[in-house]
PDB file of N, CA and C in Angstrom:
ATOM      1  N   MET A   1      -8.841  -0.845  -6.793  1.00  0.00           N
ATOM      2  CA  MET A   1      -8.458  -0.468  -6.269  1.00  0.00           C
ATOM      3  C   MET A   1      -7.362   0.632  -6.036  1.00  0.00           C
ATOM      4  N   ARG A   2      -7.314   1.856  -5.216  1.00  0.00           N
ATOM      5  CA  ARG A   2      -6.217   2.284  -5.620  1.00  0.00           C
ATOM      6  C   ARG A   2      -5.120   2.598  -4.515  1.00  0.00           C
ATOM      7  N   VAL A   3      -3.868   2.429  -4.582  1.00  0.00           N
ATOM      8  CA  VAL A   3      -3.109   2.046  -3.561  1.00  0.00           C
ATOM      9  C   VAL A   3      -2.035   2.959  -3.902  1.00  0.00           C
ATOM     10  N   LEU A   4      -0.847   3.247  -2.695  1.00  0.00           N
ATOM     11  CA  LEU A   4       0.308   4.192  -2.507  1.00  0.00           C
ATOM     12  C   LEU A   4       1.315   3.693  -2.039  1.00  0.00           C
ATOM     13  N   LEU A   5       2.568   3.862  -2.429  1.00  0.00           N
ATOM     14  CA  LEU A   5       3.658   2.970  -2.579  1.00  0.00           C
ATOM     15  C   LEU A   5       4.454   3.546  -1.204  1.00  0.00           C
ATOM     16  N   ASP A   6       4.644   2.910   0.065  1.00  0.00           N
ATOM     17  CA  ASP A   6       5.860   3.676   0.787  1.00  0.00           C
ATOM     18  C   ASP A   6       7.236   3.478  -0.145  1.00  0.00           C
ATOM     19  N   GLU A   7       7.863   4.422   0.349  1.00  0.00           N
ATOM     20  CA  GLU A   7       8.940   4.782   0.355  1.00  0.00           C
ATOM     21  C   GLU A   7      10.374   3.427   0.552  1.00  0.00           C
ATOM     22  N   ASP A   8       9.656   2.891   0.829  1.00  0.00           N
ATOM     23  CA  ASP A   8      10.589   1.334   1.038  1.00  0.00           C
ATOM     24  C   ASP A   8      10.546   0.250   0.285  1.00  0.00           C
ATOM     25  N   LEU A   9       9.434   1.363  -0.880  1.00  0.00           N
ATOM     26  CA  LEU A   9       9.593  -0.154  -2.330  1.00  0.00           C
ATOM     27  C   LEU A   9      10.210   0.842  -3.194  1.00  0.00           C
ATOM     28  N   PRO A  10      10.723   0.477  -4.577  1.00  0.00           N
ATOM     29  CA  PRO A  10      11.146   0.933  -5.472  1.00  0.00           C
ATOM     30  C   PRO A  10      10.042   1.695  -6.236  1.00  0.00           C
ATOM     31  N   PRO A  11      10.150   2.767  -7.156  1.00  0.00           N
ATOM     32  CA  PRO A  11       9.675   3.806  -7.747  1.00  0.00           C
ATOM     33  C   PRO A  11       8.718   2.654  -8.809  1.00  0.00           C
ATOM     34  N   LEU A  12       9.400   2.004  -9.441  1.00  0.00           N
ATOM     35  CA  LEU A  12       9.638   1.300 -10.450  1.00  0.00           C
ATOM     36  C   LEU A  12       8.029   0.311  -9.978  1.00  0.00           C
ATOM     37  N   VAL A  13       8.281   0.155  -9.074  1.00  0.00           N
ATOM     38  CA  VAL A  13       6.836  -0.874  -8.534  1.00  0.00           C
ATOM     39  C   VAL A  13       5.710   0.074  -9.600  1.00  0.00           C
ATOM     40  N   ALA A  14       5.263   1.330  -9.232  1.00  0.00           N
ATOM     41  CA  ALA A  14       4.724   2.059  -9.688  1.00  0.00           C
ATOM     42  C   ALA A  14       4.452   1.968 -10.812  1.00  0.00           C
ATOM     43  N   GLU A  15       5.812   2.668 -11.771  1.00  0.00           N
ATOM     44  CA  GLU A  15       5.336   1.991 -13.007  1.00  0.00           C
ATOM     45  C   GLU A  15       4.939   0.930 -13.786  1.00  0.00           C
ATOM     46  N   VAL A  16       5.138   0.006 -13.863  1.00  0.00           N
ATOM     47  CA  VAL A  16       5.011  -1.242 -13.907  1.00  0.00           C
ATOM     48  C   VAL A  16       3.528  -2.236 -13.211  1.00  0.00           C
ATOM     49  N   GLY A  17       3.217  -1.171 -12.210  1.00  0.00           N
ATOM     50  CA  GLY A  17       1.723  -1.485 -11.899  1.00  0.00           C
ATOM     51  C   GLY A  17       0.934  -1.020 -12.678  1.00  0.00           C
ATOM     52  N   ARG A  18       1.044   0.771 -13.047  1.00  0.00           N
ATOM     53  CA  ARG A  18       0.539   1.132 -13.656  1.00  0.00           C
ATOM     54  C   ARG A  18       0.006   0.606 -15.229  1.00  0.00           C
ATOM     55  N   ALA A  19       1.179  -0.150 -15.687  1.00  0.00           N
ATOM     56  CA  ALA A  19       1.059  -0.926 -17.498  1.00  0.00           C
ATOM     57  C   ALA A  19       0.479  -1.391 -17.254  1.00  0.00           C
ATOM     58  N   LEU A  20       0.398  -2.116 -15.921  1.00  0.00           N
ATOM     59  CA  LEU A  20      -0.525  -3.315 -15.997  1.00  0.00           C
ATOM     60  C   LEU A  20      -1.714  -3.020 -15.705  1.00  0.00           C
ATOM     61  N   GLY A  21      -2.229  -1.569 -15.397  1.00  0.00           N
ATOM     62  CA  GLY A  21      -3.426  -1.510 -15.549  1.00  0.00           C
ATOM     63  C   GLY A  21      -4.041  -1.174 -13.729  1.00  0.00           C
ATOM     64  N   THR A  22      -2.995  -1.192 -12.884  1.00  0.00           N
ATOM     65  CA  THR A  22      -3.337  -1.203 -11.239  1.00  0.00           C
ATOM     66  C   THR A  22      -3.404   0.356 -11.411  1.00  0.00           C
ATOM     67  N   ASP A  23      -4.084   1.049 -10.420  1.00  0.00           N
ATOM     68  CA  ASP A  23      -4.301   2.509 -10.149  1.00  0.00           C
ATOM     69  C   ASP A  23      -2.876   2.394  -8.784  1.00  0.00           C
ATOM     70  N   VAL A  24      -2.147   2.891  -9.285  1.00  0.00           N
ATOM     71  CA  VAL A  24      -0.907   2.902  -7.943  1.00  0.00           C
ATOM     72  C   VAL A  24       0.079   4.246  -8.207  1.00  0.00           C
ATOM     73  N   GLN A  25       0.366   4.608  -7.644  1.00  0.00           N
ATOM     74  CA  GLN A  25       1.446   5.949  -7.089  1.00  0.00           C
ATOM     75  C   GLN A  25       2.253   5.138  -6.272  1.00  0.00           C
ATOM     76  N   SER A  26       3.610   6.017  -6.219  1.00  0.00           N
ATOM     77  CA  SER A  26       4.755   5.835  -5.100  1.00  0.00           C
ATOM     78  C   SER A  26       4.876   7.337  -4.604  1.00  0.00           C
ATOM     79  N   VAL A  27       5.479   7.581  -3.302  1.00  0.00           N
ATOM     80  CA  VAL A  27       5.774   8.925  -2.026  1.00  0.00           C
ATOM     81  C   VAL A  27       6.511   9.163  -2.889  1.00  0.00           C
ATOM     82  N   HIS A  28       7.249   8.127  -3.932  1.00  0.00           N
ATOM     83  CA  HIS A  28       8.861   8.593  -4.542  1.00  0.00           C
ATOM     84  C   HIS A  28       8.452   9.648  -5.746  1.00  0.00           C
ATOM     85  N   GLU A  29       7.599   9.377  -6.240  1.00  0.00           N
ATOM     86  CA  GLU A  29       6.518  10.535  -7.764  1.00  0.00           C
ATOM     87  C   GLU A  29       6.401  11.447  -7.323  1.00  0.00           C
ATOM     88  N   ILE A  30       5.667  11.767  -5.844  1.00  0.00           N
ATOM     89  CA  ILE A  30       4.651  12.587  -5.194  1.00  0.00           C
ATOM     90  C   ILE A  30       4.967  13.428  -3.932  1.00  0.00           C
ATOM     91  N   GLY A  31       6.862  13.664  -4.363  1.00  0.00           N
ATOM     92  CA  GLY A  31       6.730  14.059  -3.121  1.00  0.00           C
ATOM     93  C   GLY A  31       6.658  13.746  -1.657  1.00  0.00           C
ATOM     94  N   ARG A  32       7.174  12.571  -1.901  1.00  0.00           N
ATOM     95  CA  ARG A  32       6.460  12.574  -0.071  1.00  0.00           C
ATOM     96  C   ARG A  32       7.416  12.078   0.456  1.00  0.00           C
ATOM     97  N   ILE A  33       9.021  11.780   0.396  1.00  0.00           N
ATOM     98  CA  ILE A  33      10.289  11.533   0.387  1.00  0.00           C
ATOM     99  C   ILE A  33      10.357  11.489   1.851  1.00  0.00           C
ATOM    100  N   GLY A  34      10.467  10.945   2.595  1.00  0.00           N
ATOM    101  CA  GLY A  34      10.942  11.259   4.350  1.00  0.00           C
ATOM    102  C   GLY A  34      10.118  11.893   5.065  1.00  0.00           C
ATOM    103  N   LEU A  35       8.765  11.866   5.432  1.00  0.00           N
ATOM    104  CA  LEU A  35       7.769  11.886   5.826  1.00  0.00           C
ATOM    105  C   LEU A  35       7.634  11.129   6.702  1.00  0.00           C
ATOM    106  N   PRO A  36       7.075  11.862   8.268  1.00  0.00           N
ATOM    107  CA  PRO A  36       6.964  10.304   8.932  1.00  0.00           C
ATOM    108  C   PRO A  36       6.111   9.359   8.668  1.00  0.00           C
ATOM    109  N   ASP A  37       6.126   8.365   9.319  1.00  0.00           N
ATOM    110  CA  ASP A  37       5.104   7.126   8.836  1.00  0.00           C
ATOM    111  C   ASP A  37       3.857   7.017   8.974  1.00  0.00           C
ATOM    112  N   PRO A  38       3.048   7.706  10.319  1.00  0.00           N
ATOM    113  CA  PRO A  38       1.792   8.430  10.110  1.00  0.00           C
ATOM    114  C   PRO A  38       1.150   9.488   9.155  1.00  0.00           C
ATOM    115  N   GLU A  39       1.683  10.402   9.330  1.00  0.00           N
ATOM    116  CA  GLU A  39       1.596  11.089   8.170  1.00  0.00           C
ATOM    117  C   GLU A  39       1.296  10.529   6.860  1.00  0.00           C
ATOM    118  N   GLN A  40       1.856   9.418   5.856  1.00  0.00           N
ATOM    119  CA  GLN A  40       1.464   9.011   4.567  1.00  0.00           C
ATOM    120  C   GLN A  40       0.641   8.580   5.349  1.00  0.00           C
ATOM    121  N   LEU A  41       0.172   7.534   6.047  1.00  0.00           N
ATOM    122  CA  LEU A  41      -1.158   6.396   6.366  1.00  0.00           C
ATOM    123  C   LEU A  41      -1.820   7.624   6.202  1.00  0.00           C
ATOM    124  N   LEU A  42      -1.613   8.491   7.053  1.00  0.00           N
ATOM    125  CA  LEU A  42      -3.297   9.488   6.596  1.00  0.00           C
ATOM    126  C   LEU A  42      -3.891   9.867   5.598  1.00  0.00           C
ATOM    127  N   PHE A  43      -2.094  10.762   4.800  1.00  0.00           N
ATOM    128  CA  PHE A  43      -2.745  10.952   3.553  1.00  0.00           C
ATOM    129  C   PHE A  43      -3.165  10.040   2.670  1.00  0.00           C
ATOM    130  N   ALA A  44      -2.525   8.636   2.532  1.00  0.00           N
ATOM    131  CA  ALA A  44      -3.454   7.553   1.969  1.00  0.00           C
ATOM    132  C   ALA A  44      -4.552   7.438   1.746  1.00  0.00           C
ATOM    133  N   ALA A  45      -5.052   7.459   3.331  1.00  0.00           N
ATOM    134  CA  ALA A  45      -6.127   7.270   3.572  1.00  0.00           C
ATOM    135  C   ALA A  45      -7.240   8.721   3.105  1.00  0.00           C
ATOM    136  N   ARG A  46      -6.304   9.789   3.477  1.00  0.00           N
ATOM    137  CA  ARG A  46      -7.257  10.793   2.638  1.00  0.00           C
ATOM    138  C   ARG A  46      -7.561  10.648   1.352  1.00  0.00           C
ATOM    139  N   GLU A  47      -7.010  10.124   0.396  1.00  0.00           N
ATOM    140  CA  GLU A  47      -6.919   9.981  -1.067  1.00  0.00           C
ATOM    141  C   GLU A  47      -7.726   8.737  -1.509  1.00  0.00           C
ATOM    142  N   GLY A  48      -8.092   8.377  -0.182  1.00  0.00           N
ATOM    143  CA  GLY A  48      -8.759   6.673  -0.359  1.00  0.00           C
ATOM    144  C   GLY A  48      -7.721   5.607  -1.232  1.00  0.00           C
ATOM    145  N   ARG A  49      -6.108   5.856  -0.648  1.00  0.00           N
ATOM    146  CA  ARG A  49      -5.393   4.804  -1.727  1.00  0.00           C
ATOM    147  C   ARG A  49      -5.123   3.750  -0.254  1.00  0.00           C
ATOM    148  N   ILE A  50      -5.344   2.588   0.016  1.00  0.00           N
ATOM    149  CA  ILE A  50      -4.353   1.749   0.221  1.00  0.00           C
ATOM    150  C   ILE A  50      -3.191   1.645   0.365  1.00  0.00           C
ATOM    151  N   PHE A  51      -2.213   1.751   1.538  1.00  0.00           N
ATOM    152  CA  PHE A  51      -1.076   2.156   1.487  1.00  0.00           C
ATOM    153  C   PHE A  51      -0.229   0.838   1.816  1.00  0.00           C
ATOM    154  N   VAL A  52       0.931   1.110   0.902  1.00  0.00           N
ATOM    155  CA  VAL A  52       1.476  -0.547   0.670  1.00  0.00           C
ATOM    156  C   VAL A  52       2.851  -0.404   0.939  1.00  0.00           C
ATOM    157  N   THR A  53       3.038  -1.460   2.122  1.00  0.00           N
ATOM    158  CA  THR A  53       4.882  -1.106   2.459  1.00  0.00           C
ATOM    159  C   THR A  53       4.870  -2.891   2.894  1.00  0.00           C
ATOM    160  N   ARG A  54       6.682  -2.491   3.150  1.00  0.00           N
ATOM    161  CA  ARG A  54       6.958  -3.813   4.220  1.00  0.00           C
ATOM    162  C   ARG A  54       7.501  -3.498   5.096  1.00  0.00           C
ATOM    163  N   ASN A  55       7.283  -2.391   5.796  1.00  0.00           N
ATOM    164  CA  ASN A  55       7.689  -1.627   7.630  1.00  0.00           C
ATOM    165  C   ASN A  55       6.432  -2.431   8.487  1.00  0.00           C
ATOM    166  N   ARG A  56       6.378  -3.924   8.397  1.00  0.00           N
ATOM    167  CA  ARG A  56       5.157  -4.542   8.955  1.00  0.00           C
ATOM    168  C   ARG A  56       4.327  -3.796  10.352  1.00  0.00           C
ATOM    169  N   ASN A  57       5.569  -4.043  10.991  1.00  0.00           N
ATOM    170  CA  ASN A  57       5.517  -4.266  12.589  1.00  0.00           C
ATOM    171  C   ASN A  57       5.105  -2.296  12.976  1.00  0.00           C
ATOM    172  N   ASP A  58       5.750  -1.488  12.527  1.00  0.00           N
ATOM    173  CA  ASP A  58       5.282  -0.099  12.973  1.00  0.00           C
ATOM    174  C   ASP A  58       4.057   0.078  11.558  1.00  0.00           C
ATOM    175  N   PHE A  59       3.632  -0.565  10.687  1.00  0.00           N
ATOM    176  CA  PHE A  59       2.536  -0.037  10.221  1.00  0.00           C
ATOM    177  C   PHE A  59       1.072  -0.935  10.599  1.00  0.00           C
ATOM    178  N   LEU A  60       1.775  -1.984  11.694  1.00  0.00           N
ATOM    179  CA  LEU A  60       0.747  -2.672  12.140  1.00  0.00           C
ATOM    180  C   LEU A  60      -0.159  -2.513  13.476  1.00  0.00           C
ATOM    181  N   ARG A  61       1.525  -1.362  14.110  1.00  0.00           N
ATOM    182  CA  ARG A  61       0.994  -0.682  15.404  1.00  0.00           C
ATOM    183  C   ARG A  61       0.252   0.700  15.106  1.00  0.00           C
ATOM    184  N   PHE A  62       0.407   1.540  13.766  1.00  0.00           N
ATOM    185  CA  PHE A  62       0.012   2.556  13.080  1.00  0.00           C
ATOM    186  C   PHE A  62      -1.784   2.378  13.053  1.00  0.00           C
ATOM    187  N   THR A  63      -2.359   1.053  12.336  1.00  0.00           N
ATOM    188  CA  THR A  63      -2.951   0.645  12.271  1.00  0.00           C
ATOM    189  C   THR A  63      -4.041   0.853  13.212  1.00  0.00           C
ATOM    190  N   ALA A  64      -3.175  -0.261  14.220  1.00  0.00           N
ATOM    191  CA  ALA A  64      -4.265  -0.583  16.081  1.00  0.00           C
ATOM    192  C   ALA A  64      -4.094   0.845  16.061  1.00  0.00           C
ATOM    193  N   GLU A  65      -3.369   2.123  16.328  1.00  0.00           N
ATOM    194  CA  GLU A  65      -3.568   2.994  16.502  1.00  0.00           C
ATOM    195  C   GLU A  65      -4.827   4.341  16.278  1.00  0.00           C
ATOM    196  N   PHE A  66      -4.678   4.357  14.752  1.00  0.00           N
ATOM    197  CA  PHE A  66      -5.385   4.679  14.188  1.00  0.00           C
ATOM    198  C   PHE A  66      -7.147   4.141  14.673  1.00  0.00           C
ATOM    199  N   TYR A  67      -6.684   3.028  14.446  1.00  0.00           N
ATOM    200  CA  TYR A  67      -8.335   2.903  14.807  1.00  0.00           C
ATOM    201  C   TYR A  67      -9.093   2.921  16.444  1.00  0.00           C
ATOM    202  N   ARG A  68      -8.110   2.801  16.748  1.00  0.00           N
ATOM    203  CA  ARG A  68      -8.270   2.913  18.456  1.00  0.00           C
ATOM    204  C   ARG A  68      -9.134   4.670  18.556  1.00  0.00           C
ATOM    205  N   MET A  69      -7.907   5.951  17.435  1.00  0.00           N
ATOM    206  CA  MET A  69      -8.582   6.999  17.705  1.00  0.00           C
ATOM    207  C   MET A  69      -9.244   7.635  16.187  1.00  0.00           C
ATOM    208  N   ASN A  70      -9.999   6.822  16.056  1.00  0.00           N
ATOM    209  CA  ASN A  70     -10.999   6.763  14.997  1.00  0.00           C
ATOM    210  C   ASN A  70     -10.274   8.228  13.660  1.00  0.00           C
ATOM    211  N   GLU A  71      -9.102   7.620  13.290  1.00  0.00           N
ATOM    212  CA  GLU A  71      -8.866   8.533  12.100  1.00  0.00           C
ATOM    213  C   GLU A  71      -8.505   7.914  11.281  1.00  0.00           C
ATOM    214  N   PRO A  72      -8.990   8.633   9.889  1.00  0.00           N
ATOM    215  CA  PRO A  72      -9.006   7.402   8.629  1.00  0.00           C
ATOM    216  C   PRO A  72      -8.104   7.128   8.300  1.00  0.00           C
ATOM    217  N   HIS A  73      -8.125   5.822   7.113  1.00  0.00           N
ATOM    218  CA  HIS A  73      -7.743   4.725   7.678  1.00  0.00           C
ATOM    219  C   HIS A  73      -8.559   3.503   6.092  1.00  0.00           C
ATOM    220  N   ALA A  74      -7.727   3.437   4.579  1.00  0.00           N
ATOM    221  CA  ALA A  74      -7.423   2.860   3.916  1.00  0.00           C
ATOM    222  C   ALA A  74      -7.492   1.652   3.421  1.00  0.00           C
ATOM    223  N   GLY A  75      -6.694   0.959   4.635  1.00  0.00           N
ATOM    224  CA  GLY A  75      -6.393  -0.416   4.578  1.00  0.00           C
ATOM    225  C   GLY A  75      -4.762  -0.687   4.363  1.00  0.00           C
ATOM    226  N   LEU A  76      -4.400  -1.370   4.501  1.00  0.00           N
ATOM    227  CA  LEU A  76      -2.717  -1.861   4.561  1.00  0.00           C
ATOM    228  C   LEU A  76      -2.327  -2.867   3.970  1.00  0.00           C
ATOM    229  N   LEU A  77      -1.244  -2.808   2.819  1.00  0.00           N
ATOM    230  CA  LEU A  77      -1.368  -3.790   2.662  1.00  0.00           C
ATOM    231  C   LEU A  77       0.600  -4.438   2.742  1.00  0.00           C
ATOM    232  N   ILE A  78       0.766  -5.638   2.906  1.00  0.00           N
ATOM    233  CA  ILE A  78       2.364  -5.698   3.707  1.00  0.00           C
ATOM    234  C   ILE A  78       2.933  -6.680   2.606  1.00  0.00           C
ATOM    235  N   VAL A  79       3.589  -6.323   2.165  1.00  0.00           N
ATOM    236  CA  VAL A  79       4.637  -6.662   0.671  1.00  0.00           C
ATOM    237  C   VAL A  79       5.706  -7.645   1.759  1.00  0.00           C
ATOM    238  N   SER A  80       5.591  -9.255   1.331  1.00  0.00           N
ATOM    239  CA  SER A  80       6.506 -10.254   1.887  1.00  0.00           C
ATOM    240  C   SER A  80       8.038  -9.559   1.486  1.00  0.00           C
ATOM    241  N   ARG A  81       8.677 -10.434   2.378  1.00  0.00           N
ATOM    242  CA  ARG A  81      10.379 -10.080   2.281  1.00  0.00           C
ATOM    243  C   ARG A  81      10.797 -11.348   0.989  1.00  0.00           C
ATOM    244  N   LYS A  82       9.614 -12.192   0.774  1.00  0.00           N
ATOM    245  CA  LYS A  82       9.883 -13.224  -0.064  1.00  0.00           C
ATOM    246  C   LYS A  82      10.002 -12.607  -1.426  1.00  0.00           C
ATOM    247  N   LEU A  83       9.420 -10.905  -1.881  1.00  0.00           N
ATOM    248  CA  LEU A  83       9.309 -10.538  -2.933  1.00  0.00           C
ATOM    249  C   LEU A  83      10.151  -9.436  -3.278  1.00  0.00           C
ATOM    250  N   PRO A  84      11.235  -9.613  -3.344  1.00  0.00           N
ATOM    251  CA  PRO A  84      12.524  -9.009  -3.601  1.00  0.00           C
ATOM    252  C   PRO A  84      12.464  -7.434  -3.826  1.00  0.00           C
ATOM    253  N   SER A  85      13.304  -6.680  -3.336  1.00  0.00           N
ATOM    254  CA  SER A  85      12.826  -5.309  -4.371  1.00  0.00           C
ATOM    255  C   SER A  85      13.642  -4.789  -5.399  1.00  0.00           C
ATOM    256  N   ASN A  86      14.879  -5.850  -5.309  1.00  0.00           N
ATOM    257  CA  ASN A  86      15.560  -5.765  -6.782  1.00  0.00           C
ATOM    258  C   ASN A  86      14.584  -6.400  -7.898  1.00  0.00           C
ATOM    259  N   GLU A  87      13.632  -6.635  -7.329  1.00  0.00           N
ATOM    260  CA  GLU A  87      12.755  -6.936  -8.714  1.00  0.00           C
ATOM    261  C   GLU A  87      11.337  -6.579  -8.460  1.00  0.00           C
ATOM    262  N   PRO A  88      11.952  -5.575  -8.720  1.00  0.00           N
ATOM    263  CA  PRO A  88      10.041  -4.741  -8.594  1.00  0.00           C
ATOM    264  C   PRO A  88       8.670  -5.190  -9.283  1.00  0.00           C
ATOM    265  N   GLU A  89       9.029  -5.990 -10.636  1.00  0.00           N
ATOM    266  CA  GLU A  89       8.275  -6.065 -11.624  1.00  0.00           C
ATOM    267  C   GLU A  89       7.525  -7.337 -10.627  1.00  0.00           C
ATOM    268  N   LYS A  90       8.297  -8.275 -10.507  1.00  0.00           N
ATOM    269  CA  LYS A  90       7.606  -9.006  -9.348  1.00  0.00           C
ATOM    270  C   LYS A  90       6.362  -8.616  -8.343  1.00  0.00           C
ATOM    271  N   ILE A  91       6.631  -7.528  -7.954  1.00  0.00           N
ATOM    272  CA  ILE A  91       6.211  -6.984  -7.010  1.00  0.00           C
ATOM    273  C   ILE A  91       4.979  -6.481  -6.998  1.00  0.00           C
ATOM    274  N   SER A  92       4.537  -5.865  -8.569  1.00  0.00           N
ATOM    275  CA  SER A  92       3.492  -5.170  -9.297  1.00  0.00           C
ATOM    276  C   SER A  92       3.037  -5.846  -9.709  1.00  0.00           C
ATOM    277  N   HIS A  93       3.489  -7.431 -10.447  1.00  0.00           N
ATOM    278  CA  HIS A  93       2.746  -8.691 -11.009  1.00  0.00           C
ATOM    279  C   HIS A  93       1.836  -9.521  -9.693  1.00  0.00           C
ATOM    280  N   ALA A  94       2.991  -9.483  -8.313  1.00  0.00           N
ATOM    281  CA  ALA A  94       1.896  -9.993  -7.551  1.00  0.00           C
ATOM    282  C   ALA A  94       0.849  -8.691  -6.778  1.00  0.00           C
ATOM    283  N   LEU A  95       1.234  -7.620  -6.907  1.00  0.00           N
ATOM    284  CA  LEU A  95       0.165  -6.577  -6.326  1.00  0.00           C
ATOM    285  C   LEU A  95      -1.213  -7.038  -7.646  1.00  0.00           C
ATOM    286  N   ARG A  96      -0.977  -7.168  -8.638  1.00  0.00           N
ATOM    287  CA  ARG A  96      -2.009  -6.641 -10.262  1.00  0.00           C
ATOM    288  C   ARG A  96      -2.927  -8.219  -9.333  1.00  0.00           C
ATOM    289  N   ARG A  97      -2.207  -9.528  -8.706  1.00  0.00           N
ATOM    290  CA  ARG A  97      -3.465 -10.475  -8.861  1.00  0.00           C
ATOM    291  C   ARG A  97      -3.343 -10.362  -7.383  1.00  0.00           C
ATOM    292  N   TRP A  98      -3.131  -9.667  -6.634  1.00  0.00           N
ATOM    293  CA  TRP A  98      -3.871  -9.056  -5.062  1.00  0.00           C
ATOM    294  C   TRP A  98      -5.309  -8.496  -5.425  1.00  0.00           C
ATOM    295  N   GLU A  99      -5.191  -7.366  -6.455  1.00  0.00           N
ATOM    296  CA  GLU A  99      -5.809  -7.180  -6.517  1.00  0.00           C
ATOM    297  C   GLU A  99      -6.940  -7.339  -7.511  1.00  0.00           C
ATOM    298  N   ALA A 100      -6.818  -8.456  -8.959  1.00  0.00           N
ATOM    299  CA  ALA A 100      -7.801  -9.026  -9.600  1.00  0.00           C
ATOM    300  C   ALA A 100      -8.546  -9.775  -8.484  1.00  0.00           C
ATOM    301  N   SER A 101      -7.414 -10.266  -7.597  1.00  0.00           N
ATOM    302  CA  SER A 101      -8.794 -11.599  -6.714  1.00  0.00           C
ATOM    303  C   SER A 101      -9.694 -10.971  -5.268  1.00  0.00           C
ATOM    304  N   ARG A 102      -9.287  -9.545  -5.022  1.00  0.00           N
ATOM    305  CA  ARG A 102     -10.087  -8.561  -4.293  1.00  0.00           C
ATOM    306  C   ARG A 102     -11.930  -7.943  -5.047  1.00  0.00           C
ATOM    307  N   ALA A 103     -11.237  -8.225  -7.087  1.00  0.00           N
ATOM    308  CA  ALA A 103     -12.669  -7.497  -7.285  1.00  0.00           C
ATOM    309  C   ALA A 103     -13.567  -8.070  -7.374  1.00  0.00           C
ATOM    310  N   VAL A 104     -13.796  -9.562  -7.213  1.00  0.00           N
ATOM    311  CA  VAL A 104     -15.212 -10.460  -6.392  1.00  0.00           C
ATOM    312  C   VAL A 104     -15.748 -10.165  -5.644  1.00  0.00           C
ATOM    313  N   TYR A 105     -14.617  -9.663  -4.184  1.00  0.00           N
ATOM    314  CA  TYR A 105     -15.992  -9.429  -3.107  1.00  0.00           C
ATOM    315  C   TYR A 105     -14.792  -8.013  -2.954  1.00  0.00           C
ATOM    316  N   PRO A 106     -15.156  -6.332  -3.499  1.00  0.00           N
ATOM    317  CA  PRO A 106     -14.464  -5.536  -3.061  1.00  0.00           C
ATOM    318  C   PRO A 106     -14.793  -4.654  -1.771  1.00  0.00           C
ATOM    319  N   GLU A 107     -16.223  -5.616  -1.286  1.00  0.00           N
ATOM    320  CA  GLU A 107     -16.200  -4.631  -0.071  1.00  0.00           C
ATOM    321  C   GLU A 107     -15.448  -5.824   0.760  1.00  0.00           C
ATOM    322  N   SER A 108     -15.214  -6.602   0.667  1.00  0.00           N
ATOM    323  CA  SER A 108     -14.414  -7.459   1.743  1.00  0.00           C
ATOM    324  C   SER A 108     -12.554  -6.770   2.511  1.00  0.00           C
ATOM    325  N   PHE A 109     -12.291  -5.892   1.646  1.00  0.00           N
ATOM    326  CA  PHE A 109     -11.431  -5.333   2.087  1.00  0.00           C
ATOM    327  C   PHE A 109     -11.347  -3.486   2.182  1.00  0.00           C
ATOM    328  N   GLY A 110     -11.437  -2.947   3.637  1.00  0.00           N
ATOM    329  CA  GLY A 110     -11.629  -1.332   3.631  1.00  0.00           C
ATOM    330  C   GLY A 110     -10.126  -0.703   4.168  1.00  0.00           C
ATOM    331  N   PRO A 111     -11.428   0.245   5.307  1.00  0.00           N
ATOM    332  CA  PRO A 111     -10.828   0.854   6.799  1.00  0.00           C
ATOM    333  C   PRO A 111      -9.705  -0.910   7.510  1.00  0.00           C
ATOM    334  N   TYR A 112      -8.885  -0.263   7.848  1.00  0.00           N
ATOM    335  CA  TYR A 112      -8.437  -1.094   9.258  1.00  0.00           C
ATOM    336  C   TYR A 112      -7.817  -2.468   8.799  1.00  0.00           C
ATOM    337  N   VAL A 113      -8.474  -3.311   7.487  1.00  0.00           N
ATOM    338  CA  VAL A 113      -7.959  -4.109   7.125  1.00  0.00           C
ATOM    339  C   VAL A 113      -6.606  -4.322   6.444  1.00  0.00           C
ATOM    340  N   VAL A 114      -6.081  -5.333   7.528  1.00  0.00           N
ATOM    341  CA  VAL A 114      -4.196  -5.772   6.757  1.00  0.00           C
ATOM    342  C   VAL A 114      -4.787  -7.051   5.741  1.00  0.00           C
ATOM    343  N   ASP A 115      -3.731  -7.076   4.962  1.00  0.00           N
ATOM    344  CA  ASP A 115      -3.412  -8.076   4.390  1.00  0.00           C
ATOM    345  C   ASP A 115      -1.775  -7.655   3.970  1.00  0.00           C
ATOM    346  N   PHE A 116      -1.699  -9.413   3.183  1.00  0.00           N
ATOM    347  CA  PHE A 116      -0.247  -9.456   2.960  1.00  0.00           C
ATOM    348  C   PHE A 116      -0.407  -9.965   1.202  1.00  0.00           C
ATOM    349  N   LEU A 117       0.990  -9.358   0.687  1.00  0.00           N
ATOM    350  CA  LEU A 117       1.439  -9.612  -0.416  1.00  0.00           C
ATOM    351  C   LEU A 117       2.479 -10.762  -0.393  1.00  0.00           C
TER     352      LEU A 117
END
């Protein structure tokens, strides 16, 4: 699975995630900081990346809007506040465990699907 991290997550999450074998990019690394949230979600979909964020309420709303408008969407993963931003390694490891749990049935996660980390 390929993922794109929102700017509300430290870029170190992506660095550690890649070291663990996850195909992960951060918007920080690719020069997409400060862009509107719907643009970030659309970019992730076009790149075939699940969008990962802490911004639960807004992105749940955007996901519903994208579904209604039949806009591209590659899935949404919401990071719990229980995983603190000042411990990016914990987020990276949780992301890797989540990814491994989906490996058995990769078809169980796809467009417009929302899950929680």
